[in-house]
Amino acid sequence: MECTKIGVIHLNQIGDLLFSLPLLASLRERFPRARIDSILRPALKDLLEDSPFVDRFIVRDQGSVPWFRLARALRRERYDLVLCLSRSEGALTLAAAINARVSAGFATFPWDMCLDVKETLEGHNSWYNNAKLLRLLEIIPSRDSYVGLLRVSDSAYRGDLPERFVVISPGASKRRLIKAWDEKKFAELMVALREHASLTPVIVGGNDSRACAALISSHYREIRGFSRASEELLDLTGAMSLRELCSLLTRARLFVGIDSGVMHLSSALDIPVVGLFGPTDPFYVGPQNTKSIVVKQEVSCSPCYIRTPCSHRECMENLPVSSVLDACRTLLENREEEHVTRHA
């Protein structure tokens, strides 16, 4: 198959977009002269504006009127290939409306009837599944992870930052409650990292994580004492753009958080990552850099694919602070050894 115009309809979350980077890189290598368009939500455009794998990004605004305008505009492009990475009704009907020479995506009856090439999704949306879709199109994946593929021009956070800090991303919005770890355990971990590794905790996340971050901060102050905690704890939840967040992550000594888009940003930027996993499967959606450790409590019902919290949540409720702290210490020791080796 030869292509001069390719369109990629992206999923709406940060992690899913990062999992599409190896796909975009593989398309660029296979079709070096083709124009590649990324069709995505406005909140994610910062992550692709500087990408060498994309020639143009096209924003998908919500609402029926913007949808019809977008569908008409994209149909006029006469794409040779459209890849729909989302299985949503809206994304697949958009793929149908574009009427590309070849449309490819993941099987979701009945909305997948518009697809000429369809692959079965295993587990979670992930690079593993994107690679399967490429192979079905007889395109050999040229990359095996997103590490090193993210290009975001620097837009540094302009506030003061500690010299040594750990980024904490609890990410426990209403939509992610099933993945949440106990707020008091996060606070206990932060205290231990402050006392034993001299790392100042910096909490990050979206606006929907503000309540969770505030509760963690409250627990931290109770343990450390209000006078010391006010100088040690930095809560930046909802206070940064994605560009600023990327800049901040590159200066962190360590990242600790639940399975989330911020975890994958850290991994893509090759920051030491401790990922806390429960209901989701790290085989598909674990951090992809080698400087990462997944901490997971083995229970018979995990992984699962339910969206709302179950009655017991053993996978996350029984995850001890000691296991997470051990993983942090291992990565910090490894980083110190690398530093010594480089300067020997």
Protein backbone atom coordinates (compact mmCIF):
# COMPACT_ATOMS: atom_id res chain seq x y z
CA MET A 1 0.00 0.00 0.00
CA GLU A 2 1.28 3.43 -0.96
CA CYS A 3 0.03 6.52 0.86
CA THR A 4 0.38 10.25 0.32
CA LYS A 5 -2.17 11.34 2.97
CA ILE A 6 -2.72 9.61 6.31
CA GLY A 7 -5.10 10.58 9.10
CA VAL A 8 -4.91 9.25 12.67
CA ILE A 9 -7.94 9.66 14.96
CA HIS A 10 -6.57 9.63 18.50
CA LEU A 11 -8.06 8.63 21.83
CA ASN A 12 -8.72 11.36 24.37
CA GLN A 13 -6.32 10.58 27.22
CA ILE A 14 -2.65 11.48 27.70
CA GLY A 15 -1.47 7.90 28.10
CA ASP A 16 -3.32 6.76 24.99
CA LEU A 17 -1.76 9.57 22.98
CA LEU A 18 1.72 8.57 24.16
CA PHE A 19 1.03 4.96 23.17
CA SER A 20 0.32 6.26 19.66
CA LEU A 21 3.78 7.83 19.30
CA PRO A 22 5.48 4.58 18.19
CA LEU A 23 2.65 4.14 15.67
CA LEU A 24 3.21 7.65 14.29
CA ALA A 25 6.97 7.05 14.15
CA SER A 26 6.42 3.78 12.29
CA LEU A 27 4.10 5.47 9.80
CA ARG A 28 6.67 8.21 9.20
CA GLU A 29 9.40 5.63 8.55
CA ARG A 30 7.22 3.54 6.25
CA PHE A 31 5.82 6.54 4.34
CA PRO A 32 8.49 9.26 4.59
CA ARG A 33 6.88 11.49 1.93
CA ALA A 34 3.31 11.15 3.13
CA ARG A 35 1.47 13.89 4.98
CA ILE A 36 0.40 12.63 8.40
CA ASP A 37 -2.48 14.38 10.18
CA SER A 38 -3.36 13.78 13.83
CA ILE A 39 -7.01 14.32 14.73
CA LEU A 40 -7.29 14.87 18.48
CA ARG A 41 -8.95 16.70 21.37
CA PRO A 42 -7.78 20.28 22.15
CA ALA A 43 -6.33 19.36 25.55
CA LEU A 44 -3.72 17.11 23.94
CA LYS A 45 -2.40 19.33 21.17
CA ASP A 46 0.55 20.54 23.28
CA LEU A 47 1.99 17.03 23.16
CA LEU A 48 2.04 16.84 19.35
CA GLU A 49 2.76 20.40 18.22
CA ASP A 50 6.51 19.76 18.12
CA SER A 51 6.36 16.15 16.95
CA PRO A 52 8.56 15.25 13.95
CA PHE A 53 6.10 12.47 13.09
CA VAL A 54 3.09 14.73 12.43
CA ASP A 55 2.68 17.33 9.70
CA ARG A 56 -0.59 18.77 10.93
CA PHE A 57 -2.84 18.35 13.94
CA ILE A 58 -6.58 18.85 13.63
CA VAL A 59 -8.66 19.58 16.73
CA ARG A 60 -11.83 17.58 17.43
CA ASP A 61 -14.18 19.89 19.29
CA GLN A 62 -17.19 18.42 21.04
CA GLY A 63 -20.73 18.95 19.77
CA SER A 64 -22.71 17.94 16.70
CA VAL A 65 -22.08 21.13 14.69
CA PRO A 66 -18.24 21.00 15.02
CA TRP A 67 -18.42 17.26 14.24
CA PHE A 68 -20.21 17.80 10.91
CA ARG A 69 -17.87 20.64 9.94
CA LEU A 70 -14.85 18.49 10.72
CA ALA A 71 -16.27 15.48 8.85
CA ARG A 72 -16.88 17.58 5.72
CA ALA A 73 -13.40 19.11 5.87
CA LEU A 74 -11.67 15.77 6.35
CA ARG A 75 -13.70 14.10 3.62
CA ARG A 76 -12.37 16.68 1.17
CA GLU A 77 -8.79 15.65 2.03
CA ARG A 78 -9.25 12.28 0.27
CA TYR A 79 -7.04 10.34 2.66
CA ASP A 80 -5.38 7.17 1.45
CA LEU A 81 -5.39 5.73 4.98
CA VAL A 82 -7.26 6.60 8.17
CA LEU A 83 -6.45 4.83 11.42
CA CYS A 84 -9.06 5.16 14.15
CA LEU A 85 -7.48 4.29 17.49
CA SER A 86 -10.70 4.95 19.39
CA ARG A 87 -13.62 2.51 19.55
CA SER A 88 -16.15 5.21 20.44
CA GLU A 89 -19.26 5.76 18.35
CA GLY A 90 -18.24 9.33 17.56
CA ALA A 91 -14.74 8.45 16.40
CA LEU A 92 -15.82 5.49 14.27
CA THR A 93 -18.66 7.41 12.61
CA LEU A 94 -16.12 10.15 11.86
CA ALA A 95 -13.86 7.54 10.24
CA ALA A 96 -16.84 6.42 8.16
CA ALA A 97 -17.65 10.00 7.11
CA ILE A 98 -14.05 10.66 6.02
CA ASN A 99 -14.39 7.86 3.45
CA ALA A 100 -10.67 7.15 3.10
CA ARG A 101 -9.38 4.68 0.55
CA VAL A 102 -8.58 2.38 3.50
CA SER A 103 -10.00 2.75 7.03
CA ALA A 104 -8.48 0.73 9.87
CA GLY A 105 -9.19 0.37 13.58
CA PHE A 106 -10.39 -1.93 16.33
CA ALA A 107 -13.45 -4.15 16.19
CA THR A 108 -16.50 -2.69 18.00
CA PHE A 109 -19.77 -3.95 16.57
CA PRO A 110 -21.75 -2.37 15.00
CA TRP A 111 -19.70 0.85 14.65
CA ASP A 112 -16.75 -1.01 13.11
CA MET A 113 -18.76 -1.78 9.97
CA CYS A 114 -17.11 1.27 8.38
CA LEU A 115 -13.65 -0.23 8.77
CA ASP A 116 -11.91 -2.01 5.90
CA VAL A 117 -9.28 -3.43 8.27
CA LYS A 118 -10.13 -4.26 11.88
CA GLU A 119 -8.09 -5.76 14.70
CA THR A 120 -9.32 -7.23 17.97
CA LEU A 121 -8.36 -5.21 21.04
CA GLU A 122 -6.71 -7.21 23.82
CA GLY A 123 -6.80 -5.91 27.38
CA HIS A 124 -6.40 -2.12 27.35
CA ASN A 125 -5.78 0.46 24.65
CA SER A 126 -2.00 0.28 24.39
CA TRP A 127 1.04 0.22 22.15
CA TYR A 128 0.74 -3.59 22.12
CA ASN A 129 -2.61 -3.30 20.33
CA ASN A 130 -1.48 -0.46 18.08
CA ALA A 131 1.42 -2.62 16.95
CA LYS A 132 -1.00 -5.44 16.13
CA LEU A 133 -3.02 -3.04 13.98
CA LEU A 134 0.11 -1.93 12.11
CA ARG A 135 1.11 -5.51 11.39
CA LEU A 136 -2.37 -6.25 10.08
CA LEU A 137 -1.77 -3.39 7.62
CA GLU A 138 1.60 -5.00 6.74
CA ILE A 139 3.48 -2.07 8.30
CA ILE A 140 6.42 -3.21 10.41
CA PRO A 141 6.60 -1.30 13.73
CA SER A 142 9.93 0.53 13.83
CA ARG A 143 9.78 1.37 17.57
CA ASP A 144 8.83 -0.78 20.54
CA SER A 145 8.00 1.96 23.07
CA TYR A 146 7.24 5.65 23.45
CA VAL A 147 10.46 6.39 25.38
CA GLY A 148 12.39 9.18 23.70
CA LEU A 149 9.66 9.91 21.14
CA LEU A 150 7.98 12.81 22.96
CA ARG A 151 9.09 16.22 21.69
CA VAL A 152 7.82 19.18 23.70
CA SER A 153 9.60 22.53 23.51
CA ASP A 154 10.53 23.86 26.93
CA SER A 155 7.98 25.99 28.77
CA ALA A 156 9.39 25.93 32.28
CA TYR A 157 7.27 26.26 35.37
CA ARG A 158 8.02 29.81 36.56
CA GLY A 159 7.59 29.28 40.27
CA ASP A 160 10.31 28.23 42.66
CA LEU A 161 11.14 24.54 42.72
CA PRO A 162 13.11 22.59 45.34
CA GLU A 163 16.57 21.39 44.44
CA ARG A 164 15.62 17.75 45.06
CA PHE A 165 12.03 16.71 44.64
CA VAL A 166 9.75 13.76 43.96
CA VAL A 167 6.64 14.19 41.82
CA ILE A 168 3.52 12.64 43.34
CA SER A 169 0.54 12.04 41.06
CA PRO A 170 -2.42 10.49 42.90
CA GLY A 171 -4.75 11.13 39.95
CA ALA A 172 -7.82 10.09 41.91
CA SER A 173 -10.52 11.94 40.00
CA LYS A 174 -14.09 10.64 40.05
CA ARG A 175 -13.42 8.80 36.80
CA ARG A 176 -10.37 7.04 38.24
CA LEU A 177 -11.51 6.13 41.73
CA ILE A 178 -11.04 2.44 41.07
CA LYS A 179 -7.29 3.09 40.56
CA ALA A 180 -6.90 5.28 43.64
CA TRP A 181 -4.50 4.58 46.49
CA ASP A 182 -5.30 5.68 50.04
CA GLU A 183 -4.53 9.39 50.60
CA LYS A 184 -3.01 8.77 54.02
CA LYS A 185 -0.65 6.16 52.56
CA PHE A 186 0.49 8.70 49.97
CA ALA A 187 1.18 11.14 52.79
CA GLU A 188 3.12 8.52 54.78
CA LEU A 189 5.20 7.72 51.71
CA MET A 190 5.94 11.40 51.13
CA VAL A 191 7.06 11.81 54.75
CA ALA A 192 9.39 8.81 54.43
CA LEU A 193 10.92 10.15 51.20
CA ARG A 194 11.42 13.53 52.84
CA GLU A 195 13.02 12.11 56.00
CA HIS A 196 15.18 9.40 54.44
CA ALA A 197 15.98 10.76 50.94
CA SER A 198 15.64 14.55 51.46
CA LEU A 199 13.10 14.73 48.63
CA THR A 200 10.51 17.48 48.72
CA PRO A 201 7.10 16.20 47.55
CA VAL A 202 5.50 18.03 44.62
CA ILE A 203 1.90 17.00 43.95
CA VAL A 204 0.60 17.32 40.37
CA GLY A 205 -2.62 16.50 38.56
CA GLY A 206 -5.62 18.00 36.83
CA ASN A 207 -8.36 20.15 38.28
CA ASP A 208 -10.42 17.04 38.98
CA SER A 209 -7.72 15.85 41.41
CA ARG A 210 -7.76 18.93 43.65
CA ALA A 211 -9.80 17.34 46.44
CA CYS A 212 -7.55 14.29 46.54
CA ALA A 213 -4.40 16.44 46.61
CA ALA A 214 -5.83 18.62 49.38
CA LEU A 215 -6.56 15.56 51.53
CA ILE A 216 -3.04 14.17 50.99
CA SER A 217 -1.56 17.56 51.92
CA SER A 218 -3.67 17.64 55.08
CA HIS A 219 -2.46 14.19 56.16
CA TYR A 220 1.15 15.20 55.40
CA ARG A 221 0.90 18.30 57.58
CA GLU A 222 -0.58 16.29 60.44
CA ILE A 223 2.35 13.87 60.35
CA ARG A 224 5.18 16.34 59.78
CA GLY A 225 3.81 19.30 61.69
CA PHE A 226 2.28 22.37 60.13
CA SER A 227 5.34 24.64 60.42
CA ARG A 228 7.73 22.27 58.65
CA ALA A 229 5.16 21.01 56.13
CA SER A 230 4.44 24.51 54.84
CA GLU A 231 8.06 24.79 53.68
CA GLU A 232 8.36 21.24 52.39
CA LEU A 233 5.20 20.51 50.43
CA LEU A 234 4.36 21.98 47.02
CA ASP A 235 0.89 21.34 45.59
CA LEU A 236 0.70 22.27 41.89
CA THR A 237 -2.52 20.40 41.14
CA GLY A 238 -4.35 22.12 38.30
CA ALA A 239 -1.71 24.86 38.09
CA MET A 240 0.29 23.91 34.99
CA SER A 241 -0.05 23.36 31.27
CA LEU A 242 1.13 20.07 29.79
CA ARG A 243 4.27 21.81 28.52
CA GLU A 244 5.08 23.14 31.99
CA LEU A 245 4.41 19.72 33.48
CA CYS A 246 6.84 18.07 31.05
CA SER A 247 9.49 20.63 31.95
CA LEU A 248 8.95 20.00 35.67
CA LEU A 249 9.10 16.21 35.25
CA THR A 250 12.50 16.36 33.54
CA ARG A 251 13.96 17.95 36.70
CA ALA A 252 12.44 15.46 39.16
CA ARG A 253 14.54 12.82 40.90
CA LEU A 254 11.61 10.40 40.99
CA PHE A 255 7.96 9.99 40.05
CA VAL A 256 5.41 8.07 42.12
CA GLY A 257 1.80 7.68 41.09
CA ILE A 258 -1.08 5.50 40.04
CA ASP A 259 -1.58 4.27 36.48
CA SER A 260 -2.30 7.57 34.73
CA GLY A 261 -1.33 9.86 31.89
CA VAL A 262 1.17 11.70 34.10
CA MET A 263 2.87 8.39 34.89
CA HIS A 264 3.25 7.74 31.16
CA LEU A 265 4.55 11.28 30.57
CA SER A 266 7.26 10.60 33.16
CA SER A 267 8.10 7.27 31.58
CA ALA A 268 8.21 8.76 28.06
CA LEU A 269 10.64 11.41 29.37
CA ASP A 270 12.70 8.59 30.95
CA ILE A 271 12.26 9.71 34.56
CA PRO A 272 12.55 7.00 37.27
CA VAL A 273 8.95 5.85 37.76
CA VAL A 274 7.24 3.91 40.53
CA GLY A 275 3.83 2.94 39.18
CA LEU A 276 1.06 1.77 41.52
CA PHE A 277 -1.15 -0.78 39.78
CA GLY A 278 -4.31 -2.56 40.87
CA PRO A 279 -7.23 -3.09 38.47
CA THR A 280 -5.26 -2.38 35.28
CA ASP A 281 -2.76 -4.73 33.65
CA PRO A 282 0.85 -3.49 33.51
CA PHE A 283 1.52 -5.92 30.63
CA TYR A 284 -0.47 -3.59 28.41
CA VAL A 285 -0.26 -0.21 30.15
CA GLY A 286 2.79 -0.34 32.41
CA PRO A 287 5.50 2.34 32.19
CA GLN A 288 7.78 1.58 29.25
CA ASN A 289 11.15 2.94 30.35
CA THR A 290 13.73 0.72 32.03
CA LYS A 291 13.96 3.14 34.98
CA SER A 292 10.60 1.98 36.27
CA ILE A 293 9.18 -0.40 38.85
CA VAL A 294 5.56 -1.53 38.98
CA VAL A 295 4.22 -2.14 42.49
CA LYS A 296 1.22 -4.43 42.44
CA GLN A 297 -0.65 -6.50 45.01
CA GLU A 298 -1.40 -9.94 43.61
CA VAL A 299 -5.10 -10.73 43.94
CA SER A 300 -7.17 -13.25 42.00
CA CYS A 301 -9.57 -10.69 40.50
CA SER A 302 -6.90 -8.39 39.05
CA PRO A 303 -6.66 -7.24 36.35
CA CYS A 304 -10.29 -6.34 35.80
CA TYR A 305 -12.00 -3.92 33.48
CA ILE A 306 -14.76 -2.45 35.61
CA ARG A 307 -14.91 1.34 35.76
CA THR A 308 -16.59 1.82 39.13
CA PRO A 309 -14.97 0.71 42.41
CA CYS A 310 -15.90 -2.77 43.61
CA SER A 311 -16.95 -3.50 47.19
CA HIS A 312 -13.46 -4.43 48.43
CA ARG A 313 -10.79 -2.95 46.11
CA GLU A 314 -8.22 -5.36 47.59
CA CYS A 315 -5.80 -4.69 44.76
CA MET A 316 -5.27 -1.10 45.92
CA GLU A 317 -6.47 -1.13 49.53
CA ASN A 318 -3.93 -3.82 50.51
CA LEU A 319 -0.99 -2.18 48.73
CA PRO A 320 1.43 -1.36 51.58
CA VAL A 321 3.52 1.79 51.92
CA SER A 322 6.59 -0.37 52.60
CA SER A 323 6.44 -1.98 49.13
CA VAL A 324 6.19 1.38 47.41
CA LEU A 325 9.00 2.81 49.53
CA ASP A 326 11.26 -0.16 48.73
CA ALA A 327 10.73 0.47 45.01
CA CYS A 328 11.54 4.18 45.49
CA ARG A 329 14.76 3.36 47.34
CA THR A 330 15.83 0.92 44.61
CA LEU A 331 15.40 3.50 41.86
CA LEU A 332 17.08 6.25 43.87
CA GLU A 333 20.05 3.98 44.58
CA ASN A 334 20.28 3.06 40.91
CA ARG A 335 20.23 6.73 39.94
CA GLU A 336 22.97 7.53 42.43
CA GLU A 337 25.11 4.68 41.10
CA GLU A 338 24.64 5.94 37.52
CA HIS A 339 25.67 9.45 38.64
CA VAL A 340 28.83 8.12 40.31
CA THR A 341 29.71 6.01 37.28
CA ARG A 342 29.31 8.94 34.87
CA HIS A 343 31.59 11.14 37.00
CA ALA A 344 34.19 8.52 37.86
